[in-house]
Amino acid sequence: MITAMMDQHFIIALFVTIALICVRLYLLRGKIAFPYRKTEYLFSKPESKFYFTLLELLDERYIIFGKVRIADAIQVEGRVKGKHRMAAFNRIARKHFDYVICDRNLRILAAIELDDRSHQRKDRKKRDIFVDTACRAAGLPLIHVPLKKDYASGELAALFAGSIKLR
C-alpha cells in the first residue's frame, strides 16, 4: 500500500514536471536563449572602401587594424587611483577608433576617425572633443578623415603628415 502511494506520488510529480516543461517551452517558443547573430561584414561599405584605400596607400611598414577599442590604444595614467581611475577608464572603454595604424612591431602610430554625417550631431561633437583631448593628452595622433566617395592620395598624405608616411 505504501509503495503504491509512493508510485502514485512519483507519477503525479513526474506528470507535473513534464507539464511545467511543456508550458515553459510553449512560452519560450520563438525566443532564443542567446539572441545573437554573426555580423556579415566587419565594416560598413564606406568604411570598407576607406580601408582598402588605406591598404593601397600604406606600404608594408604598416598594419591597419579596424574598430579598435580606445582603451586598447590609450591607458589611464598610473598616478590616477581608485574610483577616479575607474571613472577615467569607463569613459574610454566603450568607445572605439575606426582604424589604428601600427608599425610592423605593432607599435601604435596613429588612430583614424572616419567622420560621416553623424559627427555633426551635438552628442557626437561632444564625444569627438573628448576623444581628441584624450588622444592629445596620451600623445596619440588622431587623424579625422571626412567621409567621401573617393580619396586622392595627396589629400590623405596631407592629413597624415607627421604621423604616417604614404607610398
C-alpha atoms as a PDB file:
ATOM      1  CA  MET A   1       0.000   0.000   0.000  1.00  0.00           C
ATOM      2  CA  ILE A   2       2.767   2.490   0.908  1.00  0.00           C
ATOM      3  CA  THR A   3       4.653   1.551  -2.264  1.00  0.00           C
ATOM      4  CA  ALA A   4       1.546   2.085  -4.344  1.00  0.00           C
ATOM      5  CA  MET A   5       1.050   5.569  -2.817  1.00  0.00           C
ATOM      6  CA  MET A   6       4.742   6.406  -3.438  1.00  0.00           C
ATOM      7  CA  ASP A   7       4.392   5.223  -7.026  1.00  0.00           C
ATOM      8  CA  GLN A   8       1.260   7.334  -7.386  1.00  0.00           C
ATOM      9  CA  HIS A   9       3.033  10.435  -5.950  1.00  0.00           C
ATOM     10  CA  PHE A  10       6.021   9.818  -8.222  1.00  0.00           C
ATOM     11  CA  ILE A  11       3.755   9.604 -11.274  1.00  0.00           C
ATOM     12  CA  ILE A  12       1.926  12.808 -10.287  1.00  0.00           C
ATOM     13  CA  ALA A  13       5.251  14.630  -9.669  1.00  0.00           C
ATOM     14  CA  LEU A  14       6.598  13.386 -12.988  1.00  0.00           C
ATOM     15  CA  PHE A  15       3.424  14.485 -14.783  1.00  0.00           C
ATOM     16  CA  VAL A  16       3.540  17.956 -13.163  1.00  0.00           C
ATOM     17  CA  THR A  17       7.227  18.321 -14.076  1.00  0.00           C
ATOM     18  CA  ILE A  18       6.580  17.357 -17.700  1.00  0.00           C
ATOM     19  CA  ALA A  19       3.599  19.713 -17.818  1.00  0.00           C
ATOM     20  CA  LEU A  20       5.713  22.589 -16.457  1.00  0.00           C
ATOM     21  CA  ILE A  21       8.455  21.887 -19.005  1.00  0.00           C
ATOM     22  CA  CYS A  22       5.870  21.878 -21.810  1.00  0.00           C
ATOM     23  CA  VAL A  23       4.372  25.178 -20.620  1.00  0.00           C
ATOM     24  CA  ARG A  24       7.848  26.749 -20.406  1.00  0.00           C
ATOM     25  CA  LEU A  25       8.766  25.539 -23.889  1.00  0.00           C
ATOM     26  CA  TYR A  26       5.459  26.868 -25.223  1.00  0.00           C
ATOM     27  CA  LEU A  27       6.051  30.284 -23.638  1.00  0.00           C
ATOM     28  CA  LEU A  28       9.647  30.439 -24.934  1.00  0.00           C
ATOM     29  CA  ARG A  29       8.826  29.367 -28.471  1.00  0.00           C
ATOM     30  CA  GLY A  30      10.431  31.706 -30.964  1.00  0.00           C
ATOM     31  CA  LYS A  31      12.708  33.202 -28.323  1.00  0.00           C
ATOM     32  CA  ILE A  32      16.399  32.447 -28.436  1.00  0.00           C
ATOM     33  CA  ALA A  33      18.401  31.780 -25.289  1.00  0.00           C
ATOM     34  CA  PHE A  34      21.353  33.706 -26.772  1.00  0.00           C
ATOM     35  CA  PRO A  35      19.905  36.419 -29.015  1.00  0.00           C
ATOM     36  CA  TYR A  36      22.996  36.955 -31.155  1.00  0.00           C
ATOM     37  CA  ARG A  37      23.954  36.501 -34.750  1.00  0.00           C
ATOM     38  CA  LYS A  38      27.167  36.949 -36.686  1.00  0.00           C
ATOM     39  CA  THR A  39      27.638  40.297 -38.359  1.00  0.00           C
ATOM     40  CA  GLU A  40      28.167  39.662 -42.052  1.00  0.00           C
ATOM     41  CA  TYR A  41      30.854  42.325 -42.610  1.00  0.00           C
ATOM     42  CA  LEU A  42      33.224  43.967 -40.162  1.00  0.00           C
ATOM     43  CA  PHE A  43      32.943  47.350 -41.866  1.00  0.00           C
ATOM     44  CA  SER A  44      30.130  49.304 -43.460  1.00  0.00           C
ATOM     45  CA  LYS A  45      30.530  49.906 -47.212  1.00  0.00           C
ATOM     46  CA  PRO A  46      32.122  53.367 -46.762  1.00  0.00           C
ATOM     47  CA  GLU A  47      34.418  52.022 -44.030  1.00  0.00           C
ATOM     48  CA  SER A  48      35.421  49.109 -46.284  1.00  0.00           C
ATOM     49  CA  LYS A  49      36.154  51.423 -49.178  1.00  0.00           C
ATOM     50  CA  PHE A  50      38.348  53.603 -46.983  1.00  0.00           C
ATOM     51  CA  TYR A  51      40.092  50.541 -45.526  1.00  0.00           C
ATOM     52  CA  PHE A  52      41.019  49.285 -48.997  1.00  0.00           C
ATOM     53  CA  THR A  53      42.167  52.797 -49.934  1.00  0.00           C
ATOM     54  CA  LEU A  54      44.444  52.741 -46.883  1.00  0.00           C
ATOM     55  CA  LEU A  55      45.795  49.341 -47.919  1.00  0.00           C
ATOM     56  CA  GLU A  56      46.710  50.754 -51.310  1.00  0.00           C
ATOM     57  CA  LEU A  57      48.361  53.853 -49.862  1.00  0.00           C
ATOM     58  CA  LEU A  58      50.301  52.345 -46.978  1.00  0.00           C
ATOM     59  CA  ASP A  59      53.298  50.175 -47.667  1.00  0.00           C
ATOM     60  CA  GLU A  60      54.448  47.013 -45.898  1.00  0.00           C
ATOM     61  CA  ARG A  61      55.836  49.018 -42.966  1.00  0.00           C
ATOM     62  CA  TYR A  62      52.316  49.469 -41.622  1.00  0.00           C
ATOM     63  CA  ILE A  63      49.481  47.290 -40.346  1.00  0.00           C
ATOM     64  CA  ILE A  64      45.906  48.572 -40.237  1.00  0.00           C
ATOM     65  CA  PHE A  65      43.506  47.464 -37.514  1.00  0.00           C
ATOM     66  CA  GLY A  66      39.835  48.340 -37.567  1.00  0.00           C
ATOM     67  CA  LYS A  67      37.349  49.087 -34.811  1.00  0.00           C
ATOM     68  CA  VAL A  68      39.925  49.192 -32.047  1.00  0.00           C
ATOM     69  CA  ARG A  69      38.654  49.950 -28.575  1.00  0.00           C
ATOM     70  CA  ILE A  70      40.122  53.255 -27.393  1.00  0.00           C
ATOM     71  CA  ALA A  71      41.065  51.660 -24.069  1.00  0.00           C
ATOM     72  CA  ASP A  72      43.306  49.266 -26.021  1.00  0.00           C
ATOM     73  CA  ALA A  73      45.192  52.167 -27.618  1.00  0.00           C
ATOM     74  CA  ILE A  74      45.487  54.608 -24.710  1.00  0.00           C
ATOM     75  CA  GLN A  75      45.635  53.959 -20.985  1.00  0.00           C
ATOM     76  CA  VAL A  76      44.717  55.768 -17.814  1.00  0.00           C
ATOM     77  CA  GLU A  77      47.920  57.061 -16.220  1.00  0.00           C
ATOM     78  CA  GLY A  78      49.214  55.175 -13.202  1.00  0.00           C
ATOM     79  CA  ARG A  79      49.029  58.226 -10.953  1.00  0.00           C
ATOM     80  CA  VAL A  80      45.210  58.141 -11.172  1.00  0.00           C
ATOM     81  CA  LYS A  81      43.906  55.831  -8.447  1.00  0.00           C
ATOM     82  CA  GLY A  82      40.733  54.240  -7.133  1.00  0.00           C
ATOM     83  CA  LYS A  83      37.338  55.418  -8.278  1.00  0.00           C
ATOM     84  CA  HIS A  84      38.899  58.208 -10.377  1.00  0.00           C
ATOM     85  CA  ARG A  85      40.887  55.603 -12.312  1.00  0.00           C
ATOM     86  CA  MET A  86      37.773  53.511 -12.922  1.00  0.00           C
ATOM     87  CA  ALA A  87      35.780  56.581 -13.993  1.00  0.00           C
ATOM     88  CA  ALA A  88      38.542  57.605 -16.433  1.00  0.00           C
ATOM     89  CA  PHE A  89      38.748  54.057 -17.807  1.00  0.00           C
ATOM     90  CA  ASN A  90      34.968  53.821 -18.217  1.00  0.00           C
ATOM     91  CA  ARG A  91      34.997  56.992 -20.343  1.00  0.00           C
ATOM     92  CA  ILE A  92      37.174  55.237 -22.958  1.00  0.00           C
ATOM     93  CA  ALA A  93      36.195  51.584 -22.506  1.00  0.00           C
ATOM     94  CA  ARG A  94      33.099  51.622 -24.714  1.00  0.00           C
ATOM     95  CA  LYS A  95      34.397  53.855 -27.468  1.00  0.00           C
ATOM     96  CA  HIS A  96      36.442  52.763 -30.455  1.00  0.00           C
ATOM     97  CA  PHE A  97      38.584  54.186 -33.225  1.00  0.00           C
ATOM     98  CA  ASP A  98      37.609  53.366 -36.786  1.00  0.00           C
ATOM     99  CA  TYR A  99      41.215  52.394 -37.606  1.00  0.00           C
ATOM    100  CA  VAL A 100      44.554  52.214 -35.838  1.00  0.00           C
ATOM    101  CA  ILE A 101      47.811  52.234 -37.788  1.00  0.00           C
ATOM    102  CA  CYS A 102      50.745  50.322 -36.315  1.00  0.00           C
ATOM    103  CA  ASP A 103      54.275  49.609 -37.425  1.00  0.00           C
ATOM    104  CA  ARG A 104      55.434  46.032 -38.036  1.00  0.00           C
ATOM    105  CA  ASN A 105      56.263  45.688 -34.313  1.00  0.00           C
ATOM    106  CA  LEU A 106      52.632  46.613 -33.529  1.00  0.00           C
ATOM    107  CA  ARG A 107      53.692  49.957 -32.065  1.00  0.00           C
ATOM    108  CA  ILE A 108      50.693  52.269 -32.315  1.00  0.00           C
ATOM    109  CA  LEU A 109      51.450  55.194 -34.616  1.00  0.00           C
ATOM    110  CA  ALA A 110      48.100  56.889 -35.144  1.00  0.00           C
ATOM    111  CA  ALA A 111      44.361  56.459 -34.893  1.00  0.00           C
ATOM    112  CA  ILE A 112      41.906  57.387 -37.623  1.00  0.00           C
ATOM    113  CA  GLU A 113      38.323  58.533 -37.295  1.00  0.00           C
ATOM    114  CA  LEU A 114      36.273  58.421 -40.464  1.00  0.00           C
ATOM    115  CA  ASP A 115      33.886  61.340 -39.989  1.00  0.00           C
ATOM    116  CA  ASP A 116      30.471  60.805 -41.551  1.00  0.00           C
ATOM    117  CA  ARG A 117      27.362  62.969 -41.062  1.00  0.00           C
ATOM    118  CA  SER A 118      26.821  61.584 -37.559  1.00  0.00           C
ATOM    119  CA  HIS A 119      29.825  63.648 -36.412  1.00  0.00           C
ATOM    120  CA  GLN A 120      27.690  66.779 -36.917  1.00  0.00           C
ATOM    121  CA  ARG A 121      25.282  65.760 -34.150  1.00  0.00           C
ATOM    122  CA  LYS A 122      25.649  67.569 -30.821  1.00  0.00           C
ATOM    123  CA  ASP A 123      26.253  64.367 -28.833  1.00  0.00           C
ATOM    124  CA  ARG A 124      28.811  63.171 -31.364  1.00  0.00           C
ATOM    125  CA  LYS A 125      30.649  66.503 -31.348  1.00  0.00           C
ATOM    126  CA  LYS A 126      30.904  66.252 -27.572  1.00  0.00           C
ATOM    127  CA  ARG A 127      32.275  62.711 -27.907  1.00  0.00           C
ATOM    128  CA  ASP A 128      34.770  63.843 -30.566  1.00  0.00           C
ATOM    129  CA  ILE A 129      36.039  66.692 -28.361  1.00  0.00           C
ATOM    130  CA  PHE A 130      36.559  64.240 -25.502  1.00  0.00           C
ATOM    131  CA  VAL A 131      38.366  61.685 -27.718  1.00  0.00           C
ATOM    132  CA  ASP A 132      40.520  64.390 -29.347  1.00  0.00           C
ATOM    133  CA  THR A 133      41.515  65.715 -25.926  1.00  0.00           C
ATOM    134  CA  ALA A 134      42.238  62.239 -24.537  1.00  0.00           C
ATOM    135  CA  CYS A 135      44.407  61.370 -27.548  1.00  0.00           C
ATOM    136  CA  ARG A 136      46.286  64.657 -27.334  1.00  0.00           C
ATOM    137  CA  ALA A 137      46.928  64.040 -23.607  1.00  0.00           C
ATOM    138  CA  ALA A 138      48.104  60.479 -24.353  1.00  0.00           C
ATOM    139  CA  GLY A 139      50.347  61.584 -27.227  1.00  0.00           C
ATOM    140  CA  LEU A 140      48.436  59.575 -29.825  1.00  0.00           C
ATOM    141  CA  PRO A 141      47.924  61.329 -33.167  1.00  0.00           C
ATOM    142  CA  LEU A 142      44.248  61.195 -34.105  1.00  0.00           C
ATOM    143  CA  ILE A 143      43.509  61.847 -37.746  1.00  0.00           C
ATOM    144  CA  HIS A 144      39.993  62.892 -38.744  1.00  0.00           C
ATOM    145  CA  VAL A 145      39.156  61.965 -42.326  1.00  0.00           C
ATOM    146  CA  PRO A 146      35.919  63.323 -43.776  1.00  0.00           C
ATOM    147  CA  LEU A 147      33.846  60.571 -45.378  1.00  0.00           C
ATOM    148  CA  LYS A 148      33.937  60.812 -49.183  1.00  0.00           C
ATOM    149  CA  LYS A 149      33.204  58.618 -52.158  1.00  0.00           C
ATOM    150  CA  ASP A 150      36.839  58.725 -53.267  1.00  0.00           C
ATOM    151  CA  TYR A 151      40.126  59.841 -51.764  1.00  0.00           C
ATOM    152  CA  ALA A 152      43.083  61.384 -53.541  1.00  0.00           C
ATOM    153  CA  SER A 153      46.410  60.099 -52.218  1.00  0.00           C
ATOM    154  CA  GLY A 154      47.759  63.666 -51.956  1.00  0.00           C
ATOM    155  CA  GLU A 155      44.790  64.671 -49.849  1.00  0.00           C
ATOM    156  CA  LEU A 156      45.340  61.772 -47.442  1.00  0.00           C
ATOM    157  CA  ALA A 157      49.100  62.407 -47.376  1.00  0.00           C
ATOM    158  CA  ALA A 158      48.368  65.939 -46.166  1.00  0.00           C
ATOM    159  CA  LEU A 159      46.053  64.617 -43.435  1.00  0.00           C
ATOM    160  CA  PHE A 160      48.613  62.010 -42.354  1.00  0.00           C
ATOM    161  CA  ALA A 161      51.623  64.355 -42.460  1.00  0.00           C
ATOM    162  CA  GLY A 162      53.772  63.913 -39.376  1.00  0.00           C
ATOM    163  CA  SER A 163      52.088  60.666 -38.341  1.00  0.00           C
ATOM    164  CA  ILE A 164      52.318  58.273 -41.264  1.00  0.00           C
ATOM    165  CA  LYS A 165      54.293  58.375 -44.499  1.00  0.00           C
ATOM    166  CA  LEU A 166      52.409  57.098 -47.510  1.00  0.00           C
ATOM    167  CA  ARG A 167      53.919  55.323 -50.506  1.00  0.00           C
END
